[in-house]
Every structure is written in C-alpha cells, then in structure tokens.
Amino acid sequence: MKHKYGEYTEFQISEFKKRIRKSIYVLLLSVDKNTSKQFENSNIDAMFDSLLYELGGASNVLFHPSEIVEAVNLLERARLELISKDFRWKVYRKLILDAGACIGRIEEV
C-alpha cells in the first residue's frame, strides 16, 4: 500500500489492522460488566484519546481512507454514548463493533 512517505507491505497493513481492532475491542471489554474488572485500573478516556489520535495520524499517512473516517466517527459517538447519563449498552456495543469492522475493510494493497 502506498502511503505519504513510501509503501507498506500487505503484512504491515494486516498487522496494523489487527492491532487497531484489538485496541477498539478493548474499549468494549473494559465496559462489559462480565469483563470490566480486568480493566478497572485502565483509563478508558485515555484509551479513546490514544486510539483516536493514532487513527488520525494513520488517516493522514494513508491518504484519508473512508474506512478510517467512518471508524473515527463511530468511536467518537461511542465515547459520547459512554458518558451519556442515559448510557445504552447495546448502542455502545454496536458502535464499537461497527468501528472494528470499518478497520477490517481497509484494503491491504
């Protein structure tokens, strides 16, 4: 895949996508009542910040693929849902899963 400063191999893009998707799904696990105890010392707001900053940088380097734009939008909406006084687990879960799916659709060539 060509990027702003050269090229990435398919393997590099594949590994990037796996790592980012894992980071996205940790946002789900850290809020899920069945798994959140494992993440009780984690700062979910900082996790969102870190992931969104990284995706912003990747978007710029990779010439702004629409999948990253969509994933960032979904993650920001999930963040807003999480802090909402009317938090809805099903909405949050769907937003996180959809963001992960967007990353999965990034082409590796």
N, C-alpha and C. Protein backbone atom coordinates (compact mmCIF):
# COMPACT_ATOMS: atom_id res chain seq x y z
N MET A 1 0.85 -1.18 0.00
CA MET A 1 0.00 0.00 0.00
C MET A 1 0.89 1.24 0.00
N LYS A 2 0.61 2.12 -0.93
CA LYS A 2 1.37 3.37 -0.97
C LYS A 2 0.86 4.28 0.15
N HIS A 3 1.77 5.00 0.73
CA HIS A 3 1.41 5.98 1.74
C HIS A 3 2.23 7.24 1.50
N LYS A 4 1.98 8.21 2.31
CA LYS A 4 2.57 9.54 2.13
C LYS A 4 4.10 9.52 2.03
N TYR A 5 4.74 8.58 2.71
CA TYR A 5 6.21 8.56 2.76
C TYR A 5 6.84 7.36 2.08
N GLY A 6 6.07 6.58 1.35
CA GLY A 6 6.61 5.41 0.68
C GLY A 6 5.56 4.32 0.53
N GLU A 7 5.92 3.12 0.95
CA GLU A 7 4.98 2.00 0.84
C GLU A 7 5.03 1.13 2.08
N TYR A 8 3.89 0.51 2.39
CA TYR A 8 3.79 -0.53 3.42
C TYR A 8 3.51 -1.84 2.73
N THR A 9 4.02 -2.92 3.28
CA THR A 9 3.71 -4.23 2.73
C THR A 9 2.31 -4.64 3.17
N GLU A 10 1.75 -5.62 2.49
CA GLU A 10 0.43 -6.14 2.89
C GLU A 10 0.49 -6.65 4.32
N PHE A 11 1.59 -7.29 4.69
CA PHE A 11 1.75 -7.80 6.04
C PHE A 11 1.70 -6.67 7.07
N GLN A 12 2.39 -5.58 6.78
CA GLN A 12 2.40 -4.45 7.71
C GLN A 12 0.99 -3.89 7.91
N ILE A 13 0.26 -3.74 6.83
CA ILE A 13 -1.11 -3.22 6.93
C ILE A 13 -1.99 -4.22 7.68
N SER A 14 -1.82 -5.48 7.40
CA SER A 14 -2.60 -6.52 8.09
C SER A 14 -2.34 -6.50 9.60
N GLU A 15 -1.08 -6.37 9.99
CA GLU A 15 -0.73 -6.32 11.40
C GLU A 15 -1.24 -5.04 12.06
N PHE A 16 -1.17 -3.93 11.35
CA PHE A 16 -1.70 -2.66 11.85
C PHE A 16 -3.20 -2.80 12.11
N LYS A 17 -3.92 -3.37 11.15
CA LYS A 17 -5.36 -3.55 11.31
C LYS A 17 -5.68 -4.44 12.50
N LYS A 18 -4.96 -5.52 12.68
CA LYS A 18 -5.19 -6.42 13.82
C LYS A 18 -4.98 -5.68 15.14
N ARG A 19 -3.91 -4.93 15.23
CA ARG A 19 -3.60 -4.22 16.47
C ARG A 19 -4.64 -3.15 16.78
N ILE A 20 -5.03 -2.41 15.76
CA ILE A 20 -6.04 -1.37 15.96
C ILE A 20 -7.38 -1.99 16.35
N ARG A 21 -7.75 -3.08 15.70
CA ARG A 21 -9.02 -3.73 16.05
C ARG A 21 -8.98 -4.24 17.48
N LYS A 22 -7.86 -4.78 17.92
CA LYS A 22 -7.75 -5.22 19.31
C LYS A 22 -7.93 -4.04 20.26
N SER A 23 -7.32 -2.91 19.92
CA SER A 23 -7.47 -1.70 20.75
C SER A 23 -8.92 -1.25 20.79
N ILE A 24 -9.62 -1.37 19.68
CA ILE A 24 -11.03 -0.99 19.64
C ILE A 24 -11.85 -1.94 20.52
N TYR A 25 -11.59 -3.23 20.40
CA TYR A 25 -12.39 -4.19 21.16
C TYR A 25 -12.11 -4.13 22.66
N VAL A 26 -10.92 -3.67 23.05
CA VAL A 26 -10.64 -3.47 24.47
C VAL A 26 -11.60 -2.41 25.04
N LEU A 27 -11.99 -1.44 24.22
CA LEU A 27 -12.96 -0.44 24.67
C LEU A 27 -14.30 -1.09 25.00
N LEU A 28 -14.60 -2.16 24.32
CA LEU A 28 -15.83 -2.91 24.60
C LEU A 28 -15.66 -3.74 25.86
N LEU A 29 -14.56 -4.47 25.94
CA LEU A 29 -14.32 -5.33 27.10
C LEU A 29 -14.20 -4.55 28.40
N SER A 30 -13.66 -3.35 28.31
CA SER A 30 -13.46 -2.55 29.52
C SER A 30 -14.77 -2.00 30.09
N VAL A 31 -15.83 -2.05 29.31
CA VAL A 31 -17.13 -1.56 29.77
C VAL A 31 -18.11 -2.71 30.03
N ASP A 32 -17.88 -3.84 29.41
CA ASP A 32 -18.76 -5.01 29.58
C ASP A 32 -18.74 -5.46 31.04
N LYS A 33 -19.91 -5.62 31.62
CA LYS A 33 -19.99 -5.99 33.04
C LYS A 33 -19.34 -7.35 33.32
N ASN A 34 -19.21 -8.20 32.31
CA ASN A 34 -18.60 -9.52 32.51
C ASN A 34 -17.08 -9.50 32.47
N THR A 35 -16.50 -8.45 31.91
CA THR A 35 -15.04 -8.41 31.74
C THR A 35 -14.39 -7.13 32.27
N SER A 36 -15.18 -6.18 32.71
CA SER A 36 -14.64 -4.86 33.08
C SER A 36 -13.69 -4.91 34.28
N LYS A 37 -13.81 -5.90 35.16
CA LYS A 37 -12.91 -5.98 36.32
C LYS A 37 -11.45 -6.12 35.90
N GLN A 38 -11.22 -6.75 34.76
CA GLN A 38 -9.85 -6.91 34.26
C GLN A 38 -9.22 -5.57 33.87
N PHE A 39 -10.06 -4.56 33.68
CA PHE A 39 -9.60 -3.26 33.19
C PHE A 39 -9.88 -2.14 34.19
N GLU A 40 -10.13 -2.49 35.43
CA GLU A 40 -10.53 -1.47 36.40
C GLU A 40 -9.44 -0.42 36.67
N ASN A 41 -8.20 -0.73 36.37
CA ASN A 41 -7.13 0.24 36.55
C ASN A 41 -6.82 1.01 35.27
N SER A 42 -7.62 0.77 34.24
CA SER A 42 -7.42 1.44 32.96
C SER A 42 -8.24 2.72 32.90
N ASN A 43 -7.71 3.69 32.19
CA ASN A 43 -8.40 4.95 31.98
C ASN A 43 -9.03 4.91 30.60
N ILE A 44 -10.31 4.64 30.54
CA ILE A 44 -10.97 4.46 29.24
C ILE A 44 -10.94 5.73 28.40
N ASP A 45 -11.01 6.88 29.04
CA ASP A 45 -10.94 8.12 28.29
C ASP A 45 -9.58 8.26 27.60
N ALA A 46 -8.52 7.92 28.32
CA ALA A 46 -7.17 7.96 27.74
C ALA A 46 -7.04 6.92 26.62
N MET A 47 -7.70 5.79 26.78
CA MET A 47 -7.67 4.75 25.74
C MET A 47 -8.34 5.27 24.47
N PHE A 48 -9.48 5.93 24.61
CA PHE A 48 -10.15 6.54 23.46
C PHE A 48 -9.23 7.58 22.81
N ASP A 49 -8.66 8.47 23.63
CA ASP A 49 -7.78 9.51 23.10
C ASP A 49 -6.63 8.93 22.29
N SER A 50 -5.95 7.96 22.86
CA SER A 50 -4.80 7.35 22.21
C SER A 50 -5.19 6.72 20.87
N LEU A 51 -6.27 5.99 20.87
CA LEU A 51 -6.72 5.33 19.66
C LEU A 51 -7.15 6.35 18.60
N LEU A 52 -7.89 7.35 19.00
CA LEU A 52 -8.34 8.36 18.03
C LEU A 52 -7.18 9.17 17.46
N TYR A 53 -6.18 9.49 18.29
CA TYR A 53 -5.00 10.19 17.78
C TYR A 53 -4.24 9.31 16.77
N GLU A 54 -4.10 8.04 17.10
CA GLU A 54 -3.39 7.14 16.19
C GLU A 54 -4.14 7.00 14.86
N LEU A 55 -5.44 6.87 14.93
CA LEU A 55 -6.22 6.77 13.70
C LEU A 55 -6.15 8.06 12.89
N GLY A 56 -6.11 9.20 13.56
CA GLY A 56 -5.96 10.47 12.86
C GLY A 56 -4.65 10.53 12.10
N GLY A 57 -3.58 10.07 12.73
CA GLY A 57 -2.29 10.04 12.06
C GLY A 57 -2.27 9.06 10.91
N ALA A 58 -2.84 7.87 11.12
CA ALA A 58 -2.88 6.86 10.07
C ALA A 58 -3.71 7.36 8.88
N SER A 59 -4.78 8.06 9.17
CA SER A 59 -5.62 8.59 8.10
C SER A 59 -4.81 9.52 7.21
N ASN A 60 -4.04 10.38 7.82
CA ASN A 60 -3.23 11.33 7.06
C ASN A 60 -2.16 10.62 6.23
N VAL A 61 -1.46 9.69 6.86
CA VAL A 61 -0.39 8.97 6.16
C VAL A 61 -0.94 8.12 5.02
N LEU A 62 -2.12 7.53 5.22
CA LEU A 62 -2.69 6.62 4.22
C LEU A 62 -3.64 7.32 3.25
N PHE A 63 -3.55 8.64 3.16
CA PHE A 63 -4.34 9.42 2.21
C PHE A 63 -5.84 9.35 2.50
N HIS A 64 -6.20 9.36 3.76
CA HIS A 64 -7.58 9.52 4.23
C HIS A 64 -8.56 8.47 3.71
N PRO A 65 -8.30 7.20 3.98
CA PRO A 65 -9.28 6.19 3.54
C PRO A 65 -10.60 6.38 4.28
N SER A 66 -11.68 6.21 3.56
CA SER A 66 -13.01 6.45 4.13
C SER A 66 -13.29 5.53 5.32
N GLU A 67 -12.67 4.36 5.34
CA GLU A 67 -12.89 3.43 6.45
C GLU A 67 -12.40 4.01 7.78
N ILE A 68 -11.27 4.73 7.74
CA ILE A 68 -10.75 5.33 8.97
C ILE A 68 -11.65 6.49 9.39
N VAL A 69 -12.10 7.26 8.44
CA VAL A 69 -13.01 8.37 8.75
C VAL A 69 -14.26 7.82 9.43
N GLU A 70 -14.82 6.77 8.88
CA GLU A 70 -16.02 6.16 9.44
C GLU A 70 -15.76 5.59 10.83
N ALA A 71 -14.62 4.92 11.01
CA ALA A 71 -14.28 4.33 12.31
C ALA A 71 -14.11 5.42 13.37
N VAL A 72 -13.44 6.50 13.03
CA VAL A 72 -13.26 7.60 13.99
C VAL A 72 -14.61 8.18 14.39
N ASN A 73 -15.49 8.37 13.43
CA ASN A 73 -16.82 8.89 13.73
C ASN A 73 -17.58 7.97 14.67
N LEU A 74 -17.53 6.67 14.41
CA LEU A 74 -18.21 5.70 15.26
C LEU A 74 -17.62 5.66 16.66
N LEU A 75 -16.30 5.74 16.75
CA LEU A 75 -15.65 5.72 18.06
C LEU A 75 -15.99 6.98 18.86
N GLU A 76 -16.04 8.11 18.20
CA GLU A 76 -16.41 9.34 18.91
C GLU A 76 -17.85 9.25 19.40
N ARG A 77 -18.72 8.68 18.59
CA ARG A 77 -20.11 8.51 19.01
C ARG A 77 -20.19 7.53 20.19
N ALA A 78 -19.38 6.47 20.15
CA ALA A 78 -19.35 5.51 21.26
C ALA A 78 -18.88 6.19 22.54
N ARG A 79 -17.89 7.04 22.42
CA ARG A 79 -17.38 7.80 23.58
C ARG A 79 -18.48 8.67 24.16
N LEU A 80 -19.22 9.34 23.31
CA LEU A 80 -20.33 10.18 23.78
C LEU A 80 -21.43 9.34 24.43
N GLU A 81 -21.68 8.17 23.87
CA GLU A 81 -22.68 7.27 24.47
C GLU A 81 -22.22 6.83 25.85
N LEU A 82 -20.95 6.53 25.98
CA LEU A 82 -20.41 6.05 27.26
C LEU A 82 -20.58 7.08 28.36
N ILE A 83 -20.42 8.34 28.06
CA ILE A 83 -20.52 9.37 29.10
C ILE A 83 -21.93 9.93 29.25
N SER A 84 -22.83 9.45 28.40
CA SER A 84 -24.21 9.91 28.46
C SER A 84 -24.88 9.45 29.76
N LYS A 85 -25.72 10.30 30.32
CA LYS A 85 -26.45 9.91 31.53
C LYS A 85 -27.45 8.81 31.22
N ASP A 86 -27.81 8.66 29.95
CA ASP A 86 -28.72 7.60 29.51
C ASP A 86 -27.97 6.51 28.74
N PHE A 87 -26.80 6.14 29.24
CA PHE A 87 -25.95 5.15 28.57
C PHE A 87 -26.75 3.90 28.20
N ARG A 88 -26.57 3.48 26.94
CA ARG A 88 -27.23 2.27 26.44
C ARG A 88 -26.15 1.30 25.97
N TRP A 89 -26.02 0.20 26.69
CA TRP A 89 -25.01 -0.81 26.40
C TRP A 89 -25.11 -1.30 24.96
N LYS A 90 -26.29 -1.62 24.49
CA LYS A 90 -26.46 -2.17 23.14
C LYS A 90 -26.00 -1.17 22.07
N VAL A 91 -26.27 0.09 22.27
CA VAL A 91 -25.84 1.11 21.31
C VAL A 91 -24.32 1.21 21.33
N TYR A 92 -23.74 1.28 22.53
CA TYR A 92 -22.28 1.37 22.67
C TYR A 92 -21.62 0.16 22.01
N ARG A 93 -22.12 -1.02 22.29
CA ARG A 93 -21.56 -2.26 21.75
C ARG A 93 -21.59 -2.25 20.22
N LYS A 94 -22.72 -1.86 19.65
CA LYS A 94 -22.84 -1.82 18.19
C LYS A 94 -21.87 -0.82 17.58
N LEU A 95 -21.76 0.34 18.18
CA LEU A 95 -20.82 1.35 17.67
C LEU A 95 -19.39 0.84 17.68
N ILE A 96 -18.99 0.20 18.76
CA ILE A 96 -17.62 -0.34 18.86
C ILE A 96 -17.40 -1.45 17.83
N LEU A 97 -18.34 -2.36 17.73
CA LEU A 97 -18.20 -3.45 16.76
C LEU A 97 -18.17 -2.93 15.32
N ASP A 98 -19.00 -1.95 15.04
CA ASP A 98 -19.00 -1.36 13.69
C ASP A 98 -17.67 -0.65 13.39
N ALA A 99 -17.09 0.02 14.39
CA ALA A 99 -15.79 0.67 14.19
C ALA A 99 -14.72 -0.37 13.87
N GLY A 100 -14.74 -1.48 14.58
CA GLY A 100 -13.78 -2.55 14.29
C GLY A 100 -13.96 -3.10 12.89
N ALA A 101 -15.20 -3.24 12.46
CA ALA A 101 -15.48 -3.73 11.11
C ALA A 101 -14.96 -2.76 10.05
N CYS A 102 -15.06 -1.47 10.32
CA CYS A 102 -14.52 -0.47 9.37
C CYS A 102 -13.03 -0.67 9.17
N ILE A 103 -12.32 -0.86 10.25
CA ILE A 103 -10.86 -1.07 10.14
C ILE A 103 -10.58 -2.33 9.34
N GLY A 104 -11.38 -3.36 9.56
CA GLY A 104 -11.20 -4.60 8.81
C GLY A 104 -11.37 -4.44 7.32
N ARG A 105 -12.11 -3.44 6.89
CA ARG A 105 -12.35 -3.22 5.46
C ARG A 105 -11.25 -2.42 4.76
N ILE A 106 -10.27 -1.91 5.50
CA ILE A 106 -9.17 -1.18 4.87
C ILE A 106 -8.42 -2.14 3.95
N GLU A 107 -8.22 -1.72 2.72
CA GLU A 107 -7.52 -2.58 1.76
C GLU A 107 -6.05 -2.69 2.13
N GLU A 108 -5.49 -3.85 1.89
CA GLU A 108 -4.09 -4.10 2.27
C GLU A 108 -3.15 -3.99 1.09
N VAL A 109 -3.66 -3.56 -0.04
CA VAL A 109 -2.79 -3.42 -1.24
C VAL A 109 -2.79 -1.99 -1.69
